C-alpha atoms as a PDB file:
ATOM      1  CA  UNK A   1     -20.522  16.871  63.113  1.00  0.00           C
ATOM      2  CA  UNK A   2     -18.540  18.462  60.632  1.00  0.00           C
ATOM      3  CA  UNK A   3     -19.960  18.412  57.263  1.00  0.00           C
ATOM      4  CA  UNK A   4     -16.924  19.555  55.545  1.00  0.00           C
ATOM      5  CA  UNK A   5     -14.892  15.931  56.170  1.00  0.00           C
ATOM      6  CA  UNK A   6     -14.880  13.854  53.241  1.00  0.00           C
ATOM      7  CA  UNK A   7     -14.378  10.246  52.866  1.00  0.00           C
ATOM      8  CA  UNK A   8     -11.012   8.896  51.608  1.00  0.00           C
ATOM      9  CA  UNK A   9     -10.889   4.912  50.799  1.00  0.00           C
ATOM     10  CA  UNK A  10      -8.256   3.104  51.776  1.00  0.00           C
ATOM     11  CA  UNK A  11      -5.036   3.513  50.000  1.00  0.00           C
ATOM     12  CA  UNK A  12      -4.350   1.079  47.363  1.00  0.00           C
ATOM     13  CA  UNK A  13      -0.600   0.368  46.850  1.00  0.00           C
ATOM     14  CA  UNK A  14       0.524  -2.114  44.209  1.00  0.00           C
ATOM     15  CA  UNK A  15       4.162  -2.519  44.189  1.00  0.00           C
ATOM     16  CA  UNK A  16       4.364  -3.738  40.298  1.00  0.00           C
ATOM     17  CA  UNK A  17       1.860  -4.622  37.722  1.00  0.00           C
ATOM     18  CA  UNK A  18       2.794  -8.158  38.314  1.00  0.00           C
ATOM     19  CA  UNK A  19       0.540  -8.385  41.393  1.00  0.00           C
ATOM     20  CA  UNK A  20      -2.470  -6.926  39.316  1.00  0.00           C
ATOM     21  CA  UNK A  21      -1.754  -9.561  36.616  1.00  0.00           C
ATOM     22  CA  UNK A  22      -1.734 -12.432  39.456  1.00  0.00           C
ATOM     23  CA  UNK A  23      -4.835 -10.748  41.188  1.00  0.00           C
ATOM     24  CA  UNK A  24      -6.882 -10.516  37.882  1.00  0.00           C
ATOM     25  CA  UNK A  25      -5.583 -13.868  36.389  1.00  0.00           C
ATOM     26  CA  UNK A  26      -4.985 -11.698  33.227  1.00  0.00           C
ATOM     27  CA  UNK A  27      -4.204 -13.788  30.087  1.00  0.00           C
ATOM     28  CA  UNK A  28      -2.098 -12.531  27.548  1.00  0.00           C
ATOM     29  CA  UNK A  29      -3.586 -13.589  23.915  1.00  0.00           C
ATOM     30  CA  UNK A  30      -2.546 -13.938  20.515  1.00  0.00           C
ATOM     31  CA  UNK A  31      -3.214 -10.620  18.759  1.00  0.00           C
ATOM     32  CA  UNK A  32      -3.797  -8.465  21.661  1.00  0.00           C
ATOM     33  CA  UNK A  33      -1.720  -5.146  21.710  1.00  0.00           C
ATOM     34  CA  UNK A  34      -0.037  -4.364  25.260  1.00  0.00           C
ATOM     35  CA  UNK A  35       2.219  -1.871  26.732  1.00  0.00           C
ATOM     36  CA  UNK A  36       6.164  -2.770  27.787  1.00  0.00           C
ATOM     37  CA  UNK A  37       9.280  -1.273  28.558  1.00  0.00           C
ATOM     38  CA  UNK A  38      12.144  -2.467  26.381  1.00  0.00           C
ATOM     39  CA  UNK A  39      15.248  -3.185  28.975  1.00  0.00           C
ATOM     40  CA  UNK A  40      17.805  -5.292  26.824  1.00  0.00           C
ATOM     41  CA  UNK A  41      19.203  -5.696  23.362  1.00  0.00           C
ATOM     42  CA  UNK A  42      20.431  -8.756  21.969  1.00  0.00           C
ATOM     43  CA  UNK A  43      21.851  -9.895  18.655  1.00  0.00           C
ATOM     44  CA  UNK A  44      18.809 -11.646  17.541  1.00  0.00           C
ATOM     45  CA  UNK A  45      16.279  -9.067  19.032  1.00  0.00           C
ATOM     46  CA  UNK A  46      15.040  -7.282  22.242  1.00  0.00           C
ATOM     47  CA  UNK A  47      13.658  -8.358  25.538  1.00  0.00           C
ATOM     48  CA  UNK A  48      10.753  -6.378  26.950  1.00  0.00           C
ATOM     49  CA  UNK A  49       9.194  -6.104  30.576  1.00  0.00           C
ATOM     50  CA  UNK A  50       5.586  -6.405  30.275  1.00  0.00           C
ATOM     51  CA  UNK A  51       4.928  -6.262  33.905  1.00  0.00           C
ATOM     52  CA  UNK A  52       4.512 -10.065  34.651  1.00  0.00           C
ATOM     53  CA  UNK A  53       6.452 -12.895  34.941  1.00  0.00           C
ATOM     54  CA  UNK A  54       6.532 -13.645  31.497  1.00  0.00           C
ATOM     55  CA  UNK A  55       9.234 -11.732  29.285  1.00  0.00           C
ATOM     56  CA  UNK A  56       8.551 -10.081  26.001  1.00  0.00           C
ATOM     57  CA  UNK A  57      10.799 -11.327  23.030  1.00  0.00           C
ATOM     58  CA  UNK A  58      11.032  -9.019  19.693  1.00  0.00           C
ATOM     59  CA  UNK A  59      13.092 -11.113  17.021  1.00  0.00           C
ATOM     60  CA  UNK A  60      14.882  -9.058  14.752  1.00  0.00           C
ATOM     61  CA  UNK A  61      12.456  -9.650  11.659  1.00  0.00           C
ATOM     62  CA  UNK A  62       9.503  -8.283  13.913  1.00  0.00           C
ATOM     63  CA  UNK A  63      11.253  -4.839  14.927  1.00  0.00           C
ATOM     64  CA  UNK A  64      10.516  -2.866  11.865  1.00  0.00           C
ATOM     65  CA  UNK A  65       8.417  -2.503   8.950  1.00  0.00           C
ATOM     66  CA  UNK A  66      10.472  -0.318   7.178  1.00  0.00           C
ATOM     67  CA  UNK A  67      14.242  -0.946   6.171  1.00  0.00           C
ATOM     68  CA  UNK A  68      16.795   0.246   8.827  1.00  0.00           C
ATOM     69  CA  UNK A  69      20.567  -0.145   8.163  1.00  0.00           C
ATOM     70  CA  UNK A  70      20.780  -0.618  12.327  1.00  0.00           C
ATOM     71  CA  UNK A  71      17.931  -1.628  14.782  1.00  0.00           C
ATOM     72  CA  UNK A  72      19.916  -0.578  17.362  1.00  0.00           C
ATOM     73  CA  UNK A  73      19.388   3.295  15.836  1.00  0.00           C
ATOM     74  CA  UNK A  74      15.396   2.307  16.229  1.00  0.00           C
ATOM     75  CA  UNK A  75      15.361   1.125  19.526  1.00  0.00           C
ATOM     76  CA  UNK A  76      16.198   2.903  23.054  1.00  0.00           C
ATOM     77  CA  UNK A  77      16.541   1.485  26.337  1.00  0.00           C
ATOM     78  CA  UNK A  78      13.885   1.430  28.684  1.00  0.00           C
ATOM     79  CA  UNK A  79      11.689   3.226  26.162  1.00  0.00           C
ATOM     80  CA  UNK A  80       7.794   2.181  26.477  1.00  0.00           C
ATOM     81  CA  UNK A  81       5.900   1.514  23.834  1.00  0.00           C
ATOM     82  CA  UNK A  82       3.217  -0.722  22.179  1.00  0.00           C
ATOM     83  CA  UNK A  83       3.922  -4.204  21.100  1.00  0.00           C
ATOM     84  CA  UNK A  84       1.444  -6.993  19.493  1.00  0.00           C
ATOM     85  CA  UNK A  85       1.340 -10.445  20.689  1.00  0.00           C
ATOM     86  CA  UNK A  86       2.295 -12.839  18.165  1.00  0.00           C
ATOM     87  CA  UNK A  87       2.346 -15.848  20.308  1.00  0.00           C
ATOM     88  CA  UNK A  88       3.247 -17.421  23.718  1.00  0.00           C
ATOM     89  CA  UNK A  89       6.310 -19.763  24.159  1.00  0.00           C
ATOM     90  CA  UNK A  90       5.549 -21.576  27.117  1.00  0.00           C
ATOM     91  CA  UNK A  91       8.863 -23.502  27.163  1.00  0.00           C
ATOM     92  CA  UNK A  92      10.895 -20.199  27.454  1.00  0.00           C
ATOM     93  CA  UNK A  93       8.143 -18.396  29.197  1.00  0.00           C
ATOM     94  CA  UNK A  94       8.126 -15.621  26.942  1.00  0.00           C
ATOM     95  CA  UNK A  95       5.479 -13.685  24.737  1.00  0.00           C
ATOM     96  CA  UNK A  96       6.669 -13.215  21.205  1.00  0.00           C
ATOM     97  CA  UNK A  97       6.241  -9.865  20.346  1.00  0.00           C
ATOM     98  CA  UNK A  98       6.174  -7.480  16.986  1.00  0.00           C
ATOM     99  CA  UNK A  99       6.744  -3.684  16.726  1.00  0.00           C
ATOM    100  CA  UNK A 100       6.371  -4.559  12.947  1.00  0.00           C
ATOM    101  CA  UNK A 101       2.768  -5.272  13.059  1.00  0.00           C
ATOM    102  CA  UNK A 102       2.074  -2.729  15.068  1.00  0.00           C
ATOM    103  CA  UNK A 103       3.760  -0.180  12.223  1.00  0.00           C
ATOM    104  CA  UNK A 104       1.553  -2.146   9.609  1.00  0.00           C
ATOM    105  CA  UNK A 105      -1.535  -1.186  11.253  1.00  0.00           C
ATOM    106  CA  UNK A 106      -0.675   2.485  11.682  1.00  0.00           C
ATOM    107  CA  UNK A 107       0.386   2.045   8.167  1.00  0.00           C
ATOM    108  CA  UNK A 108      -2.844   0.687   6.475  1.00  0.00           C
ATOM    109  CA  UNK A 109      -4.669   3.315   8.834  1.00  0.00           C
ATOM    110  CA  UNK A 110      -2.777   6.160   6.948  1.00  0.00           C
ATOM    111  CA  UNK A 111      -3.153   4.278   3.441  1.00  0.00           C
ATOM    112  CA  UNK A 112      -7.320   3.886   3.771  1.00  0.00           C
ATOM    113  CA  UNK A 113      -7.293   7.831   4.565  1.00  0.00           C
ATOM    114  CA  UNK A 114      -4.974   8.597   1.149  1.00  0.00           C
ATOM    115  CA  UNK A 115      -7.289   6.231  -0.745  1.00  0.00           C
ATOM    116  CA  UNK A 116     -10.334   8.053   0.640  1.00  0.00           C
ATOM    117  CA  UNK A 117      -9.002  11.315  -0.500  1.00  0.00           C
ATOM    118  CA  UNK A 118      -7.606  10.098  -3.678  1.00  0.00           C
ATOM    119  CA  UNK A 119      -4.131  12.068  -3.235  1.00  0.00           C
ATOM    120  CA  UNK A 120      -1.427  11.555  -5.647  1.00  0.00           C
ATOM    121  CA  UNK A 121       1.704   9.234  -4.220  1.00  0.00           C
ATOM    122  CA  UNK A 122       5.048  10.067  -5.289  1.00  0.00           C
ATOM    123  CA  UNK A 123       6.957   6.733  -4.273  1.00  0.00           C
ATOM    124  CA  UNK A 124      10.101   4.523  -4.733  1.00  0.00           C
ATOM    125  CA  UNK A 125      10.228   1.659  -7.277  1.00  0.00           C
ATOM    126  CA  UNK A 126      11.511  -1.369  -4.893  1.00  0.00           C
ATOM    127  CA  UNK A 127      11.483  -4.281  -7.335  1.00  0.00           C
ATOM    128  CA  UNK A 128      10.454  -5.158 -11.100  1.00  0.00           C
ATOM    129  CA  UNK A 129       8.455  -7.868 -12.328  1.00  0.00           C
ATOM    130  CA  UNK A 130       7.667  -9.187 -15.767  1.00  0.00           C
ATOM    131  CA  UNK A 131       4.086  -7.914 -14.746  1.00  0.00           C
ATOM    132  CA  UNK A 132       4.697  -4.740 -13.503  1.00  0.00           C
ATOM    133  CA  UNK A 133       6.638  -2.580 -10.683  1.00  0.00           C
ATOM    134  CA  UNK A 134       6.389  -3.059  -6.836  1.00  0.00           C
ATOM    135  CA  UNK A 135       6.582   0.149  -4.948  1.00  0.00           C
ATOM    136  CA  UNK A 136       6.790   1.039  -1.379  1.00  0.00           C
ATOM    137  CA  UNK A 137       3.643   2.466   0.277  1.00  0.00           C
ATOM    138  CA  UNK A 138       4.175   3.521   3.988  1.00  0.00           C
ATOM    139  CA  UNK A 139       6.095   0.536   4.471  1.00  0.00           C
ATOM    140  CA  UNK A 140       3.549  -1.566   2.533  1.00  0.00           C
ATOM    141  CA  UNK A 141       4.220  -3.265  -0.786  1.00  0.00           C
ATOM    142  CA  UNK A 142       2.027  -2.127  -3.715  1.00  0.00           C
ATOM    143  CA  UNK A 143       1.927  -3.365  -7.502  1.00  0.00           C
ATOM    144  CA  UNK A 144       1.462  -0.970 -10.541  1.00  0.00           C
ATOM    145  CA  UNK A 145       0.642  -3.734 -13.295  1.00  0.00           C
ATOM    146  CA  UNK A 146       2.498  -2.954 -16.738  1.00  0.00           C
ATOM    147  CA  UNK A 147      -0.842  -1.950 -18.059  1.00  0.00           C
ATOM    148  CA  UNK A 148      -1.031   1.033 -15.860  1.00  0.00           C
ATOM    149  CA  UNK A 149       2.275   2.356 -16.899  1.00  0.00           C
ATOM    150  CA  UNK A 150       2.423   4.898 -19.351  1.00  0.00           C
ATOM    151  CA  UNK A 151       6.361   4.249 -20.027  1.00  0.00           C
ATOM    152  CA  UNK A 152       7.453   0.464 -20.270  1.00  0.00           C
ATOM    153  CA  UNK A 153       8.466  -0.946 -17.405  1.00  0.00           C
ATOM    154  CA  UNK A 154      11.835  -1.478 -18.334  1.00  0.00           C
ATOM    155  CA  UNK A 155      12.306   2.326 -18.506  1.00  0.00           C
ATOM    156  CA  UNK A 156      12.300   2.718 -14.877  1.00  0.00           C
ATOM    157  CA  UNK A 157      14.909   1.201 -12.256  1.00  0.00           C
ATOM    158  CA  UNK A 158      14.994   0.083  -8.762  1.00  0.00           C
ATOM    159  CA  UNK A 159      15.050   3.333  -6.751  1.00  0.00           C
ATOM    160  CA  UNK A 160      13.698   5.064  -9.148  1.00  0.00           C
ATOM    161  CA  UNK A 161      10.703   7.824  -8.165  1.00  0.00           C
ATOM    162  CA  UNK A 162       7.095   7.036  -9.884  1.00  0.00           C
ATOM    163  CA  UNK A 163       3.863   9.315  -9.271  1.00  0.00           C
ATOM    164  CA  UNK A 164       0.773   7.144  -9.111  1.00  0.00           C
ATOM    165  CA  UNK A 165      -2.957   7.132  -8.208  1.00  0.00           C
ATOM    166  CA  UNK A 166      -4.657   4.187  -5.985  1.00  0.00           C
ATOM    167  CA  UNK A 167      -6.819   1.596  -8.223  1.00  0.00           C
ATOM    168  CA  UNK A 168      -7.749  -0.321  -5.504  1.00  0.00           C
ATOM    169  CA  UNK A 169      -6.754  -1.609  -1.798  1.00  0.00           C
ATOM    170  CA  UNK A 170      -7.727  -4.415   0.398  1.00  0.00           C
ATOM    171  CA  UNK A 171      -6.579  -4.526   3.795  1.00  0.00           C
ATOM    172  CA  UNK A 172      -7.476  -7.917   4.724  1.00  0.00           C
ATOM    173  CA  UNK A 173      -5.864  -9.535   1.742  1.00  0.00           C
ATOM    174  CA  UNK A 174      -2.809  -6.981   1.998  1.00  0.00           C
ATOM    175  CA  UNK A 175      -2.686  -5.753  -1.476  1.00  0.00           C
ATOM    176  CA  UNK A 176      -2.382  -2.384  -2.869  1.00  0.00           C
ATOM    177  CA  UNK A 177      -2.832  -1.969  -6.560  1.00  0.00           C
ATOM    178  CA  UNK A 178      -1.556   1.142  -8.121  1.00  0.00           C
ATOM    179  CA  UNK A 179      -1.558   3.215 -11.667  1.00  0.00           C
ATOM    180  CA  UNK A 180       0.181   5.432 -13.710  1.00  0.00           C
ATOM    181  CA  UNK A 181      -1.809   5.720 -16.485  1.00  0.00           C
ATOM    182  CA  UNK A 182      -4.646   7.077 -13.932  1.00  0.00           C
ATOM    183  CA  UNK A 183      -2.476   9.948 -12.865  1.00  0.00           C
ATOM    184  CA  UNK A 184      -1.723  10.986 -16.344  1.00  0.00           C
ATOM    185  CA  UNK A 185      -5.050  10.523 -17.484  1.00  0.00           C
ATOM    186  CA  UNK A 186      -6.319  12.742 -14.727  1.00  0.00           C
ATOM    187  CA  UNK A 187      -4.220  15.378 -15.417  1.00  0.00           C
ATOM    188  CA  UNK A 188      -5.272  15.349 -19.074  1.00  0.00           C
ATOM    189  CA  UNK A 189      -8.821  15.137 -18.261  1.00  0.00           C
ATOM    190  CA  UNK A 190      -9.688  18.895 -18.694  1.00  0.00           C
ATOM    191  CA  UNK A 191      -8.407  19.064 -22.224  1.00  0.00           C
ATOM    192  CA  UNK A 192     -10.097  15.698 -23.407  1.00  0.00           C
ATOM    193  CA  UNK A 193     -13.960  16.072 -23.948  1.00  0.00           C
ATOM    194  CA  UNK A 194     -16.473  13.279 -24.964  1.00  0.00           C
ATOM    195  CA  UNK A 195     -17.037  13.492 -28.466  1.00  0.00           C
ATOM    196  CA  UNK A 196     -13.496  15.188 -29.395  1.00  0.00           C
ATOM    197  CA  UNK A 197     -12.013  14.191 -32.570  1.00  0.00           C
ATOM    198  CA  UNK A 198      -8.556  13.807 -32.252  1.00  0.00           C
ATOM    199  CA  UNK A 199      -5.317  12.324 -34.096  1.00  0.00           C
ATOM    200  CA  UNK A 200      -3.183   9.943 -32.492  1.00  0.00           C
ATOM    201  CA  UNK A 201      -0.604   7.153 -33.676  1.00  0.00           C
ATOM    202  CA  UNK A 202      -0.898   3.601 -33.279  1.00  0.00           C
ATOM    203  CA  UNK A 203       0.808   2.063 -30.262  1.00  0.00           C
ATOM    204  CA  UNK A 204      -0.064  -1.781 -30.512  1.00  0.00           C
ATOM    205  CA  UNK A 205      -2.276  -3.978 -32.621  1.00  0.00           C
ATOM    206  CA  UNK A 206      -4.545  -6.826 -30.855  1.00  0.00           C
ATOM    207  CA  UNK A 207      -7.059  -9.354 -32.160  1.00  0.00           C
ATOM    208  CA  UNK A 208      -9.633  -7.329 -30.337  1.00  0.00           C
ATOM    209  CA  UNK A 209      -8.515  -3.718 -31.488  1.00  0.00           C
ATOM    210  CA  UNK A 210      -6.010  -1.270 -31.759  1.00  0.00           C
ATOM    211  CA  UNK A 211      -4.048   0.996 -28.681  1.00  0.00           C
ATOM    212  CA  UNK A 212      -3.676   4.678 -29.919  1.00  0.00           C
ATOM    213  CA  UNK A 213      -1.330   6.896 -28.186  1.00  0.00           C
ATOM    214  CA  UNK A 214      -2.377  10.461 -27.684  1.00  0.00           C
ATOM    215  CA  UNK A 215      -0.118  12.813 -26.276  1.00  0.00           C
ATOM    216  CA  UNK A 216       1.439  10.748 -23.096  1.00  0.00           C
ATOM    217  CA  UNK A 217      -1.593   8.238 -22.554  1.00  0.00           C
ATOM    218  CA  UNK A 218      -2.978   5.757 -24.514  1.00  0.00           C
ATOM    219  CA  UNK A 219      -6.267   4.778 -25.156  1.00  0.00           C
ATOM    220  CA  UNK A 220      -8.214   1.716 -26.741  1.00  0.00           C
ATOM    221  CA  UNK A 221     -10.045   1.588 -30.262  1.00  0.00           C
ATOM    222  CA  UNK A 222     -12.140  -1.799 -29.894  1.00  0.00           C
ATOM    223  CA  UNK A 223     -12.639  -3.522 -33.029  1.00  0.00           C
ATOM    224  CA  UNK A 224     -16.682  -2.959 -32.476  1.00  0.00           C
ATOM    225  CA  UNK A 225     -15.628   0.556 -32.933  1.00  0.00           C
ATOM    226  CA  UNK A 226     -13.949   0.291 -36.093  1.00  0.00           C
ATOM    227  CA  UNK A 227     -15.465   0.092 -39.743  1.00  0.00           C
ATOM    228  CA  UNK A 228     -16.466  -3.375 -40.443  1.00  0.00           C
ATOM    229  CA  UNK A 229     -14.052  -3.509 -43.984  1.00  0.00           C
ATOM    230  CA  UNK A 230     -11.295  -3.229 -41.536  1.00  0.00           C
ATOM    231  CA  UNK A 231     -12.210  -5.802 -39.243  1.00  0.00           C
ATOM    232  CA  UNK A 232     -11.102  -9.119 -41.125  1.00  0.00           C
ATOM    233  CA  UNK A 233      -7.735  -9.162 -39.805  1.00  0.00           C
ATOM    234  CA  UNK A 234      -6.576  -5.707 -38.204  1.00  0.00           C
ATOM    235  CA  UNK A 235      -2.748  -6.264 -38.896  1.00  0.00           C
ATOM    236  CA  UNK A 236      -3.139  -6.456 -42.523  1.00  0.00           C
ATOM    237  CA  UNK A 237      -4.921  -3.196 -42.377  1.00  0.00           C
ATOM    238  CA  UNK A 238      -3.120  -0.969 -39.797  1.00  0.00           C
ATOM    239  CA  UNK A 239       0.744  -0.453 -39.199  1.00  0.00           C
ATOM    240  CA  UNK A 240       2.306   0.384 -35.714  1.00  0.00           C
ATOM    241  CA  UNK A 241       3.355   4.117 -36.007  1.00  0.00           C
ATOM    242  CA  UNK A 242       0.783   5.076 -38.511  1.00  0.00           C
ATOM    243  CA  UNK A 243      -1.573   8.089 -37.774  1.00  0.00           C
ATOM    244  CA  UNK A 244      -5.484   7.777 -37.214  1.00  0.00           C
ATOM    245  CA  UNK A 245      -7.967  10.076 -36.350  1.00  0.00           C
ATOM    246  CA  UNK A 246     -10.320   9.009 -33.666  1.00  0.00           C
ATOM    247  CA  UNK A 247     -12.883  10.402 -31.779  1.00  0.00           C
ATOM    248  CA  UNK A 248     -13.143   9.917 -27.926  1.00  0.00           C
ATOM    249  CA  UNK A 249     -16.345   8.025 -26.802  1.00  0.00           C
ATOM    250  CA  UNK A 250     -15.396   7.447 -22.985  1.00  0.00           C
ATOM    251  CA  UNK A 251     -13.265   8.361 -20.426  1.00  0.00           C
ATOM    252  CA  UNK A 252     -12.901   6.815 -16.964  1.00  0.00           C
ATOM    253  CA  UNK A 253     -10.405   8.597 -14.602  1.00  0.00           C
ATOM    254  CA  UNK A 254     -10.618   6.231 -11.979  1.00  0.00           C
ATOM    255  CA  UNK A 255      -9.591   3.495 -13.796  1.00  0.00           C
ATOM    256  CA  UNK A 256      -7.400   5.501 -15.955  1.00  0.00           C
ATOM    257  CA  UNK A 257      -9.221   4.200 -19.314  1.00  0.00           C
ATOM    258  CA  UNK A 258      -9.954   5.900 -22.661  1.00  0.00           C
ATOM    259  CA  UNK A 259     -12.177   4.253 -25.243  1.00  0.00           C
ATOM    260  CA  UNK A 260     -11.919   5.428 -28.727  1.00  0.00           C
ATOM    261  CA  UNK A 261     -14.064   5.008 -32.156  1.00  0.00           C
ATOM    262  CA  UNK A 262     -13.665   5.645 -35.929  1.00  0.00           C
ATOM    263  CA  UNK A 263     -17.598   5.643 -36.454  1.00  0.00           C
ATOM    264  CA  UNK A 264     -18.419   9.145 -36.655  1.00  0.00           C
END
């Protein structure tokens, strides 16, 4: 007997993935990520060979998360890539697929990493709202509230670049909240100390306190930190544009906030 003989199993021959799908009765489910090959580019989308009797179809709006002038520039014939199953159109024997959602998932992975590393972002303004600015972060829309913009939102136009820090992210709810103020305060942080007395300019007057401009940043002088003789009606005692001496009592670089006091 020759001990050097090696047992070889019968050769397994499969002409197509269709054979495997039928043999193991594989079901394509909504939310699955599958591989497929693009074989046709239509005016309304692309057709994908997923190796089964079903044809994969990617609607035009599901081709990319990012703005492109022509989707044909992004798609290559016979390109094999991942697709996300959105739905199963049984009447047309089609799986409705998405490239956009694959990009969305990958974008959120990058966003979460940027958030953990507390990276400063230089991004583009894509829309203006009364309450703030919309920006593009890795293809996902982020929002910068007016309260976290050092300049006025009206000073910016669509297409402008703005430097930001993350305030909060929530992938399940698909929201990104960012701050220009937080970035500026962190840049100033080494020059500002708790207990430091500094001169500022009154920028705004509210019933609950004064907003004081210190250089390029604004801090809150809460009414509880103002001498009681002025607490009757702040607008009668203070004027916008006047200078005021304040003391820094709290700095929150993560939220981009500075608290001030005149009680010293």
